[in-house]
Amino acid sequence: LDQIIEFGNKIGLSYIICAFPGFK
């Protein structure tokens, strides 16, 4: 998540979307 947020900010994303959930 931290790397994804950093990358997203660098390319100017407005949204980060989960496209497949996880399991408890």
PDB file of all heavy atoms in Angstrom:
ATOM      1  N   LEU A   1       0.812  -1.219   0.000  1.00  0.00           N
ATOM      2  CA  LEU A   1       0.000   0.000   0.000  1.00  0.00           C
ATOM      3  C   LEU A   1       0.847   1.272   0.000  1.00  0.00           C
ATOM      4  O   LEU A   1       0.549   2.215  -0.748  1.00  0.00           O
ATOM      5  CB  LEU A   1      -0.939   0.004   1.206  1.00  0.00           C
ATOM      6  CG  LEU A   1      -1.888   1.212   1.292  1.00  0.00           C
ATOM      7  CD1 LEU A   1      -2.770   1.291   0.059  1.00  0.00           C
ATOM      8  CD2 LEU A   1      -2.728   1.137   2.564  1.00  0.00           C
ATOM      9  N   ASP A   2       1.886   1.328   0.807  1.00  0.00           N
ATOM     10  CA  ASP A   2       2.708   2.543   0.872  1.00  0.00           C
ATOM     11  C   ASP A   2       3.350   2.847  -0.479  1.00  0.00           C
ATOM     12  O   ASP A   2       3.359   4.002  -0.932  1.00  0.00           O
ATOM     13  CB  ASP A   2       3.794   2.402   1.936  1.00  0.00           C
ATOM     14  CG  ASP A   2       3.218   2.427   3.350  1.00  0.00           C
ATOM     15  OD1 ASP A   2       2.084   2.919   3.520  1.00  0.00           O
ATOM     16  OD2 ASP A   2       3.904   1.944   4.274  1.00  0.00           O
ATOM     17  N   GLN A   3       3.876   1.795  -1.137  1.00  0.00           N
ATOM     18  CA  GLN A   3       4.504   1.993  -2.448  1.00  0.00           C
ATOM     19  C   GLN A   3       3.470   2.390  -3.498  1.00  0.00           C
ATOM     20  O   GLN A   3       3.735   3.224  -4.369  1.00  0.00           O
ATOM     21  CB  GLN A   3       5.216   0.715  -2.895  1.00  0.00           C
ATOM     22  CG  GLN A   3       6.338   0.260  -1.974  1.00  0.00           C
ATOM     23  CD  GLN A   3       5.886  -0.813  -0.985  1.00  0.00           C
ATOM     24  OE1 GLN A   3       4.923  -0.611  -0.227  1.00  0.00           O
ATOM     25  NE2 GLN A   3       6.572  -1.949  -1.004  1.00  0.00           N
ATOM     26  N   ILE A   4       2.271   1.795  -3.403  1.00  0.00           N
ATOM     27  CA  ILE A   4       1.208   2.107  -4.358  1.00  0.00           C
ATOM     28  C   ILE A   4       0.759   3.560  -4.200  1.00  0.00           C
ATOM     29  O   ILE A   4       0.541   4.275  -5.188  1.00  0.00           O
ATOM     30  CB  ILE A   4       0.024   1.139  -4.171  1.00  0.00           C
ATOM     31  CG1 ILE A   4       0.416  -0.251  -4.696  1.00  0.00           C
ATOM     32  CG2 ILE A   4      -1.223   1.644  -4.878  1.00  0.00           C
ATOM     33  CD1 ILE A   4      -0.572  -1.340  -4.352  1.00  0.00           C
ATOM     34  N   ILE A   5       0.634   4.014  -2.962  1.00  0.00           N
ATOM     35  CA  ILE A   5       0.260   5.410  -2.713  1.00  0.00           C
ATOM     36  C   ILE A   5       1.334   6.349  -3.253  1.00  0.00           C
ATOM     37  O   ILE A   5       1.031   7.359  -3.913  1.00  0.00           O
ATOM     38  CB  ILE A   5       0.037   5.641  -1.208  1.00  0.00           C
ATOM     39  CG1 ILE A   5      -1.263   4.966  -0.757  1.00  0.00           C
ATOM     40  CG2 ILE A   5       0.003   7.131  -0.889  1.00  0.00           C
ATOM     41  CD1 ILE A   5      -1.498   5.023   0.741  1.00  0.00           C
ATOM     42  N   GLU A   6       2.590   6.025  -3.001  1.00  0.00           N
ATOM     43  CA  GLU A   6       3.687   6.863  -3.487  1.00  0.00           C
ATOM     44  C   GLU A   6       3.687   6.924  -5.009  1.00  0.00           C
ATOM     45  O   GLU A   6       3.813   8.007  -5.605  1.00  0.00           O
ATOM     46  CB  GLU A   6       5.020   6.320  -2.982  1.00  0.00           C
ATOM     47  CG  GLU A   6       6.220   7.156  -3.420  1.00  0.00           C
ATOM     48  CD  GLU A   6       7.541   6.573  -2.938  1.00  0.00           C
ATOM     49  OE1 GLU A   6       7.534   5.480  -2.335  1.00  0.00           O
ATOM     50  OE2 GLU A   6       8.583   7.214  -3.170  1.00  0.00           O
ATOM     51  N   PHE A   7       3.533   5.776  -5.651  1.00  0.00           N
ATOM     52  CA  PHE A   7       3.513   5.717  -7.120  1.00  0.00           C
ATOM     53  C   PHE A   7       2.308   6.495  -7.646  1.00  0.00           C
ATOM     54  O   PHE A   7       2.411   7.248  -8.621  1.00  0.00           O
ATOM     55  CB  PHE A   7       3.449   4.262  -7.577  1.00  0.00           C
ATOM     56  CG  PHE A   7       3.649   4.070  -9.052  1.00  0.00           C
ATOM     57  CD1 PHE A   7       4.919   3.949  -9.582  1.00  0.00           C
ATOM     58  CD2 PHE A   7       2.564   4.006  -9.914  1.00  0.00           C
ATOM     59  CE1 PHE A   7       5.117   3.759 -10.949  1.00  0.00           C
ATOM     60  CE2 PHE A   7       2.742   3.821 -11.273  1.00  0.00           C
ATOM     61  CZ  PHE A   7       4.020   3.693 -11.787  1.00  0.00           C
ATOM     62  N   GLY A   8       1.143   6.302  -7.003  1.00  0.00           N
ATOM     63  CA  GLY A   8      -0.063   6.986  -7.442  1.00  0.00           C
ATOM     64  C   GLY A   8       0.068   8.494  -7.404  1.00  0.00           C
ATOM     65  O   GLY A   8      -0.370   9.198  -8.316  1.00  0.00           O
ATOM     66  N   ASN A   9       0.702   9.003  -6.359  1.00  0.00           N
ATOM     67  CA  ASN A   9       0.915  10.444  -6.269  1.00  0.00           C
ATOM     68  C   ASN A   9       1.878  10.941  -7.340  1.00  0.00           C
ATOM     69  O   ASN A   9       1.715  12.042  -7.872  1.00  0.00           O
ATOM     70  CB  ASN A   9       1.428  10.816  -4.875  1.00  0.00           C
ATOM     71  CG  ASN A   9       0.300  10.982  -3.871  1.00  0.00           C
ATOM     72  OD1 ASN A   9      -0.742  11.547  -4.182  1.00  0.00           O
ATOM     73  ND2 ASN A   9       0.499  10.488  -2.654  1.00  0.00           N
ATOM     74  N   LYS A  10       2.862  10.143  -7.669  1.00  0.00           N
ATOM     75  CA  LYS A  10       3.833  10.544  -8.688  1.00  0.00           C
ATOM     76  C   LYS A  10       3.206  10.650 -10.072  1.00  0.00           C
ATOM     77  O   LYS A  10       3.643  11.457 -10.895  1.00  0.00           O
ATOM     78  CB  LYS A  10       5.005   9.555  -8.720  1.00  0.00           C
ATOM     79  CG  LYS A  10       5.963   9.689  -7.551  1.00  0.00           C
ATOM     80  CD  LYS A  10       7.108   8.694  -7.671  1.00  0.00           C
ATOM     81  CE  LYS A  10       8.096   8.836  -6.531  1.00  0.00           C
ATOM     82  NZ  LYS A  10       9.203   7.833  -6.626  1.00  0.00           N
ATOM     83  N   ILE A  11       2.206   9.825 -10.355  1.00  0.00           N
ATOM     84  CA  ILE A  11       1.589   9.869 -11.685  1.00  0.00           C
ATOM     85  C   ILE A  11       0.254  10.621 -11.674  1.00  0.00           C
ATOM     86  O   ILE A  11      -0.448  10.654 -12.685  1.00  0.00           O
ATOM     87  CB  ILE A  11       1.393   8.456 -12.276  1.00  0.00           C
ATOM     88  CG1 ILE A  11       0.407   7.635 -11.444  1.00  0.00           C
ATOM     89  CG2 ILE A  11       2.740   7.741 -12.413  1.00  0.00           C
ATOM     90  CD1 ILE A  11       0.056   6.293 -12.089  1.00  0.00           C
ATOM     91  N   GLY A  12      -0.077  11.217 -10.542  1.00  0.00           N
ATOM     92  CA  GLY A  12      -1.253  12.067 -10.486  1.00  0.00           C
ATOM     93  C   GLY A  12      -2.583  11.354 -10.415  1.00  0.00           C
ATOM     94  O   GLY A  12      -3.611  11.877 -10.873  1.00  0.00           O
ATOM     95  N   LEU A  13      -2.608  10.159  -9.818  1.00  0.00           N
ATOM     96  CA  LEU A  13      -3.876   9.444  -9.673  1.00  0.00           C
ATOM     97  C   LEU A  13      -4.824  10.195  -8.743  1.00  0.00           C
ATOM     98  O   LEU A  13      -4.399  10.840  -7.792  1.00  0.00           O
ATOM     99  CB  LEU A  13      -3.647   8.048  -9.092  1.00  0.00           C
ATOM    100  CG  LEU A  13      -2.947   6.989  -9.942  1.00  0.00           C
ATOM    101  CD1 LEU A  13      -2.905   5.672  -9.171  1.00  0.00           C
ATOM    102  CD2 LEU A  13      -3.641   6.793 -11.284  1.00  0.00           C
ATOM    103  N   SER A  14      -6.113  10.064  -9.028  1.00  0.00           N
ATOM    104  CA  SER A  14      -7.142  10.554  -8.116  1.00  0.00           C
ATOM    105  C   SER A  14      -7.731   9.413  -7.299  1.00  0.00           C
ATOM    106  O   SER A  14      -8.243   9.634  -6.202  1.00  0.00           O
ATOM    107  CB  SER A  14      -8.261  11.251  -8.894  1.00  0.00           C
ATOM    108  OG  SER A  14      -7.787  12.385  -9.583  1.00  0.00           O
ATOM    109  N   TYR A  15      -7.657   8.177  -7.861  1.00  0.00           N
ATOM    110  CA  TYR A  15      -8.290   7.032  -7.215  1.00  0.00           C
ATOM    111  C   TYR A  15      -7.366   5.820  -7.211  1.00  0.00           C
ATOM    112  O   TYR A  15      -6.678   5.545  -8.199  1.00  0.00           O
ATOM    113  CB  TYR A  15      -9.574   6.628  -7.951  1.00  0.00           C
ATOM    114  CG  TYR A  15     -10.649   7.680  -7.941  1.00  0.00           C
ATOM    115  CD1 TYR A  15     -10.671   8.670  -8.917  1.00  0.00           C
ATOM    116  CD2 TYR A  15     -11.643   7.690  -6.958  1.00  0.00           C
ATOM    117  CE1 TYR A  15     -11.660   9.647  -8.924  1.00  0.00           C
ATOM    118  CE2 TYR A  15     -12.633   8.663  -6.956  1.00  0.00           C
ATOM    119  CZ  TYR A  15     -12.634   9.637  -7.942  1.00  0.00           C
ATOM    120  OH  TYR A  15     -13.612  10.598  -7.949  1.00  0.00           O
ATOM    121  N   ILE A  16      -7.383   5.093  -6.106  1.00  0.00           N
ATOM    122  CA  ILE A  16      -6.795   3.760  -6.012  1.00  0.00           C
ATOM    123  C   ILE A  16      -7.961   2.816  -5.742  1.00  0.00           C
ATOM    124  O   ILE A  16      -8.712   3.004  -4.782  1.00  0.00           O
ATOM    125  CB  ILE A  16      -5.756   3.677  -4.885  1.00  0.00           C
ATOM    126  CG1 ILE A  16      -4.521   4.519  -5.245  1.00  0.00           C
ATOM    127  CG2 ILE A  16      -5.364   2.226  -4.617  1.00  0.00           C
ATOM    128  CD1 ILE A  16      -3.508   4.626  -4.123  1.00  0.00           C
ATOM    129  N   ILE A  17      -8.112   1.812  -6.601  1.00  0.00           N
ATOM    130  CA  ILE A  17      -9.288   0.953  -6.553  1.00  0.00           C
ATOM    131  C   ILE A  17      -8.903  -0.499  -6.269  1.00  0.00           C
ATOM    132  O   ILE A  17      -8.001  -1.044  -6.915  1.00  0.00           O
ATOM    133  CB  ILE A  17     -10.063   1.000  -7.884  1.00  0.00           C
ATOM    134  CG1 ILE A  17     -10.499   2.437  -8.199  1.00  0.00           C
ATOM    135  CG2 ILE A  17     -11.261   0.063  -7.862  1.00  0.00           C
ATOM    136  CD1 ILE A  17     -11.482   3.027  -7.214  1.00  0.00           C
ATOM    137  N   CYS A  18      -9.586  -1.109  -5.313  1.00  0.00           N
ATOM    138  CA  CYS A  18      -9.433  -2.547  -5.090  1.00  0.00           C
ATOM    139  C   CYS A  18     -10.375  -3.256  -6.057  1.00  0.00           C
ATOM    140  O   CYS A  18     -11.591  -3.048  -6.028  1.00  0.00           O
ATOM    141  CB  CYS A  18      -9.791  -2.907  -3.651  1.00  0.00           C
ATOM    142  SG  CYS A  18      -9.640  -4.689  -3.312  1.00  0.00           S
ATOM    143  N   ALA A  19      -9.805  -4.109  -6.893  1.00  0.00           N
ATOM    144  CA  ALA A  19     -10.595  -4.782  -7.920  1.00  0.00           C
ATOM    145  C   ALA A  19     -10.835  -6.257  -7.625  1.00  0.00           C
ATOM    146  O   ALA A  19     -11.513  -6.940  -8.396  1.00  0.00           O
ATOM    147  CB  ALA A  19      -9.913  -4.645  -9.281  1.00  0.00           C
ATOM    148  N   PHE A  20     -10.276  -6.746  -6.526  1.00  0.00           N
ATOM    149  CA  PHE A  20     -10.552  -8.110  -6.071  1.00  0.00           C
ATOM    150  C   PHE A  20     -10.233  -8.145  -4.589  1.00  0.00           C
ATOM    151  O   PHE A  20      -9.129  -7.802  -4.184  1.00  0.00           O
ATOM    152  CB  PHE A  20      -9.722  -9.151  -6.824  1.00  0.00           C
ATOM    153  CG  PHE A  20     -10.198 -10.569  -6.604  1.00  0.00           C
ATOM    154  CD1 PHE A  20     -11.170 -11.115  -7.427  1.00  0.00           C
ATOM    155  CD2 PHE A  20      -9.687 -11.335  -5.565  1.00  0.00           C
ATOM    156  CE1 PHE A  20     -11.627 -12.424  -7.229  1.00  0.00           C
ATOM    157  CE2 PHE A  20     -10.131 -12.639  -5.358  1.00  0.00           C
ATOM    158  CZ  PHE A  20     -11.114 -13.180  -6.202  1.00  0.00           C
ATOM    159  N   PRO A  21     -11.196  -8.533  -3.748  1.00  0.00           N
ATOM    160  CA  PRO A  21     -11.019  -8.435  -2.292  1.00  0.00           C
ATOM    161  C   PRO A  21     -10.140  -9.539  -1.714  1.00  0.00           C
ATOM    162  O   PRO A  21      -9.652 -10.423  -2.433  1.00  0.00           O
ATOM    163  CB  PRO A  21     -12.453  -8.540  -1.779  1.00  0.00           C
ATOM    164  CG  PRO A  21     -13.143  -9.393  -2.786  1.00  0.00           C
ATOM    165  CD  PRO A  21     -12.537  -9.033  -4.113  1.00  0.00           C
ATOM    166  N   GLY A  22      -9.969  -9.484  -0.410  1.00  0.00           N
ATOM    167  CA  GLY A  22      -9.167 -10.489   0.272  1.00  0.00           C
ATOM    168  C   GLY A  22     -10.011 -11.389   1.161  1.00  0.00           C
ATOM    169  O   GLY A  22     -11.229 -11.250   1.232  1.00  0.00           O
ATOM    170  N   PHE A  23      -9.338 -12.312   1.849  1.00  0.00           N
ATOM    171  CA  PHE A  23     -10.011 -13.250   2.745  1.00  0.00           C
ATOM    172  C   PHE A  23      -9.548 -13.008   4.181  1.00  0.00           C
ATOM    173  O   PHE A  23      -8.370 -12.760   4.428  1.00  0.00           O
ATOM    174  CB  PHE A  23      -9.692 -14.694   2.356  1.00  0.00           C
ATOM    175  CG  PHE A  23     -10.307 -15.113   1.051  1.00  0.00           C
ATOM    176  CD1 PHE A  23      -9.579 -15.027  -0.120  1.00  0.00           C
ATOM    177  CD2 PHE A  23     -11.607 -15.588   0.999  1.00  0.00           C
ATOM    178  CE1 PHE A  23     -10.142 -15.406  -1.333  1.00  0.00           C
ATOM    179  CE2 PHE A  23     -12.180 -15.973  -0.206  1.00  0.00           C
ATOM    180  CZ  PHE A  23     -11.446 -15.877  -1.373  1.00  0.00           C
ATOM    181  N   LYS A  24     -10.486 -13.145   5.098  1.00  0.00           N
ATOM    182  CA  LYS A  24     -10.134 -13.012   6.509  1.00  0.00           C
ATOM    183  C   LYS A  24      -9.142 -14.090   6.905  1.00  0.00           C
ATOM    184  O   LYS A  24      -8.195 -13.838   7.663  1.00  0.00           O
ATOM    185  CB  LYS A  24     -11.400 -13.103   7.363  1.00  0.00           C
ATOM    186  CG  LYS A  24     -11.165 -12.900   8.844  1.00  0.00           C
ATOM    187  CD  LYS A  24     -12.468 -12.917   9.627  1.00  0.00           C
ATOM    188  CE  LYS A  24     -12.221 -12.678  11.104  1.00  0.00           C
ATOM    189  NZ  LYS A  24     -13.485 -12.686  11.888  1.00  0.00           N
TER     190      LYS A  24
END
